[in-house]
């Protein structure tokens, strides 16, 4: 199984939260990927932090240590996003666009999403959650 790691789990790792550290140490680094959306959410948080230089260095070290690949938004991911957005709107259960892009990335690439927001994502039918 290849994993797409959600923003919340990366933040937990960067804050030295034991469950996130254990998870990253358990999973083969070649099997860990993030969405470009997760990357931009982390970058945004870094820029807003009190110590952006230190936080940026920690994030770069994290990305390097685990050789994390960033998945860009492709036409296939965009199509999956549109499908998910329409389906959730029909069910009157909208989800934030960034979360939908992350879910669409996982589905389009047949990845298991690693997140603490299980409740948030479980309403997406074809999404594999870890």
Protein backbone atom coordinates (compact mmCIF):
# COMPACT_ATOMS: atom_id res chain seq x y z
CA UNK A 1 0.00 0.00 0.00
CA UNK A 2 1.18 3.50 -0.85
CA UNK A 3 0.07 6.29 1.45
CA UNK A 4 -1.02 9.87 0.88
CA UNK A 5 -0.44 11.71 4.15
CA UNK A 6 -2.86 14.47 5.14
CA UNK A 7 -1.75 17.83 6.50
CA UNK A 8 -2.82 17.09 10.08
CA UNK A 9 -0.52 14.07 10.36
CA UNK A 10 2.49 16.01 9.06
CA UNK A 11 1.78 18.83 11.52
CA UNK A 12 1.64 16.23 14.31
CA UNK A 13 5.02 14.85 13.21
CA UNK A 14 6.58 18.31 13.12
CA UNK A 15 5.22 18.90 16.64
CA UNK A 16 6.87 15.64 17.80
CA UNK A 17 3.57 13.88 18.48
CA UNK A 18 4.41 10.24 19.23
CA UNK A 19 1.66 8.58 17.12
CA UNK A 20 2.77 10.48 14.01
CA UNK A 21 6.46 9.80 14.65
CA UNK A 22 5.73 6.09 15.15
CA UNK A 23 3.71 5.99 11.94
CA UNK A 24 6.45 7.58 9.83
CA UNK A 25 9.10 5.32 11.37
CA UNK A 26 6.97 2.25 10.62
CA UNK A 27 6.13 3.02 6.98
CA UNK A 28 8.78 2.61 4.28
CA UNK A 29 9.59 6.14 3.13
CA UNK A 30 9.24 5.12 -0.52
CA UNK A 31 5.55 4.56 0.17
CA UNK A 32 4.80 8.07 1.50
CA UNK A 33 3.46 10.86 -0.71
CA UNK A 34 1.69 14.17 -0.15
CA UNK A 35 -0.62 16.27 -2.28
CA UNK A 36 0.53 19.66 -3.51
CA UNK A 37 -2.43 20.94 -1.46
CA UNK A 38 -0.88 19.54 1.73
CA UNK A 39 2.41 21.15 0.73
CA UNK A 40 0.78 24.57 0.32
CA UNK A 41 -1.15 24.24 3.60
CA UNK A 42 2.11 23.50 5.43
CA UNK A 43 3.91 26.35 3.64
CA UNK A 44 1.09 28.73 4.60
CA UNK A 45 1.34 27.66 8.24
CA UNK A 46 5.11 28.12 8.19
CA UNK A 47 4.83 31.65 6.81
CA UNK A 48 2.31 32.58 9.52
CA UNK A 49 4.35 31.09 12.37
CA UNK A 50 6.43 33.02 14.90
CA UNK A 51 9.64 31.33 13.70
CA UNK A 52 9.18 30.77 9.95
CA UNK A 53 12.88 30.15 9.24
CA UNK A 54 13.11 27.43 11.89
CA UNK A 55 9.80 25.85 10.83
CA UNK A 56 10.83 25.90 7.16
CA UNK A 57 14.09 24.14 8.00
CA UNK A 58 12.22 21.49 10.01
CA UNK A 59 9.83 20.91 7.11
CA UNK A 60 12.66 20.66 4.56
CA UNK A 61 14.46 18.16 6.81
CA UNK A 62 11.26 16.14 7.19
CA UNK A 63 10.66 16.05 3.42
CA UNK A 64 14.27 15.04 2.81
CA UNK A 65 14.48 12.44 5.60
CA UNK A 66 11.47 10.54 4.26
CA UNK A 67 12.07 11.31 0.54
CA UNK A 68 8.48 12.45 0.24
CA UNK A 69 7.08 12.89 -3.24
CA UNK A 70 4.66 15.76 -3.88
CA UNK A 71 1.80 14.87 -6.23
CA UNK A 72 0.68 17.76 -8.42
CA UNK A 73 -2.91 18.26 -9.56
CA UNK A 74 -3.34 16.42 -12.84
CA UNK A 75 -6.32 16.40 -15.21
CA UNK A 76 -7.34 13.03 -13.71
CA UNK A 77 -7.27 14.47 -10.19
CA UNK A 78 -9.23 17.52 -11.38
CA UNK A 79 -11.91 15.27 -12.91
CA UNK A 80 -12.13 13.23 -9.69
CA UNK A 81 -12.42 16.47 -7.69
CA UNK A 82 -15.37 17.64 -9.82
CA UNK A 83 -17.10 14.26 -9.47
CA UNK A 84 -16.65 14.26 -5.68
CA UNK A 85 -17.77 17.88 -5.30
CA UNK A 86 -20.95 17.32 -7.31
CA UNK A 87 -21.80 14.10 -5.45
CA UNK A 88 -21.29 15.66 -2.02
CA UNK A 89 -23.29 18.76 -2.98
CA UNK A 90 -26.16 16.52 -4.13
CA UNK A 91 -26.06 14.83 -0.71
CA UNK A 92 -25.93 18.26 0.95
CA UNK A 93 -22.65 17.27 2.60
CA UNK A 94 -20.13 19.68 1.08
CA UNK A 95 -16.47 19.42 1.96
CA UNK A 96 -13.83 22.15 1.73
CA UNK A 97 -12.15 22.28 -1.67
CA UNK A 98 -8.65 21.62 -0.28
CA UNK A 99 -9.91 18.46 1.44
CA UNK A 100 -11.67 17.40 -1.75
CA UNK A 101 -8.45 17.85 -3.74
CA UNK A 102 -6.57 15.71 -1.22
CA UNK A 103 -9.27 13.01 -1.41
CA UNK A 104 -9.33 13.22 -5.22
CA UNK A 105 -5.54 12.81 -5.28
CA UNK A 106 -5.78 9.65 -3.17
CA UNK A 107 -8.58 8.16 -5.28
CA UNK A 108 -7.05 9.04 -8.66
CA UNK A 109 -3.71 7.51 -7.64
CA UNK A 110 -5.14 4.52 -5.73
CA UNK A 111 -3.54 5.64 -2.46
CA UNK A 112 -4.65 5.17 1.13
CA UNK A 113 -5.19 8.50 2.90
CA UNK A 114 -3.49 8.76 6.29
CA UNK A 115 -5.43 11.29 8.36
CA UNK A 116 -6.79 11.96 11.82
CA UNK A 117 -9.91 13.38 10.18
CA UNK A 118 -11.56 10.02 9.54
CA UNK A 119 -15.02 11.41 10.36
CA UNK A 120 -14.41 14.23 7.90
CA UNK A 121 -13.40 11.99 4.98
CA UNK A 122 -15.41 8.80 5.59
CA UNK A 123 -18.40 10.05 3.60
CA UNK A 124 -16.33 9.81 0.40
CA UNK A 125 -17.27 6.43 -0.98
CA UNK A 126 -14.19 5.30 -2.93
CA UNK A 127 -11.61 6.77 -0.56
CA UNK A 128 -9.36 4.32 1.30
CA UNK A 129 -8.55 5.58 4.79
CA UNK A 130 -5.73 4.59 7.11
